[in-house]
Protein backbone atom coordinates (compact mmCIF):
# COMPACT_ATOMS: atom_id res chain seq x y z
CA MET A 1 0.00 0.00 0.00
CA ALA A 2 1.42 3.37 -0.99
CA HIS A 3 1.51 6.15 1.58
CA LYS A 4 0.25 9.25 -0.18
CA LYS A 5 0.78 11.56 2.80
CA LEU A 6 4.57 11.44 2.57
CA HIS A 7 4.82 14.17 -0.05
CA LEU A 8 2.47 16.86 1.28
CA PRO A 9 3.65 20.48 1.15
CA GLN A 10 4.89 21.90 4.43
CA LYS A 11 5.32 25.33 6.00
CA ILE A 12 7.00 26.58 9.17
CA CYS A 13 4.82 28.26 11.78
CA PRO A 14 6.29 31.69 12.70
CA VAL A 15 5.07 31.40 16.32
CA CYS A 16 6.22 27.93 17.40
CA ASN A 17 8.81 27.39 14.61
CA LYS A 18 7.54 23.87 13.95
CA PRO A 19 6.74 22.46 10.51
CA PHE A 20 3.12 21.73 9.65
CA ALA A 21 1.76 19.88 6.65
CA TRP A 22 -1.07 20.58 4.23
CA ARG A 23 -4.54 19.57 5.39
CA LYS A 24 -7.62 18.90 3.31
CA LYS A 25 -9.55 21.70 5.06
CA TRP A 26 -6.89 24.15 3.81
CA GLN A 27 -6.99 22.97 0.17
CA ARG A 28 -8.66 26.12 -1.19
CA ASP A 29 -6.72 28.53 1.02
CA TRP A 30 -3.24 26.98 1.42
CA ASP A 31 -1.46 30.08 0.09
CA ASN A 32 -2.98 32.20 2.87
CA VAL A 33 -2.37 29.76 5.75
CA ILE A 34 0.33 31.14 8.05
CA TYR A 35 -0.13 29.50 11.45
CA CYS A 36 -0.26 25.81 12.32
CA SER A 37 -3.17 26.14 14.75
CA GLU A 38 -5.71 28.51 16.25
CA ARG A 39 -3.58 28.61 19.40
CA CYS A 40 -0.59 29.96 17.48
CA LYS A 41 -2.83 32.38 15.64
CA ARG A 42 -4.08 33.79 18.97
CA ASN A 43 -0.55 33.96 20.45
CA LYS A 44 1.12 35.66 17.48
CA ASN A 45 2.36 38.65 19.50
């Protein structure tokens, strides 16, 4: 069985500096996604 999730695009969260991968819920808006989670989005300062 092939693992399709190995080659998903990734970004680095500017708040926690951890990599996060593409998710299906972000498929239409991936270019505008900056933070890995709502928690990082709230704590961006």
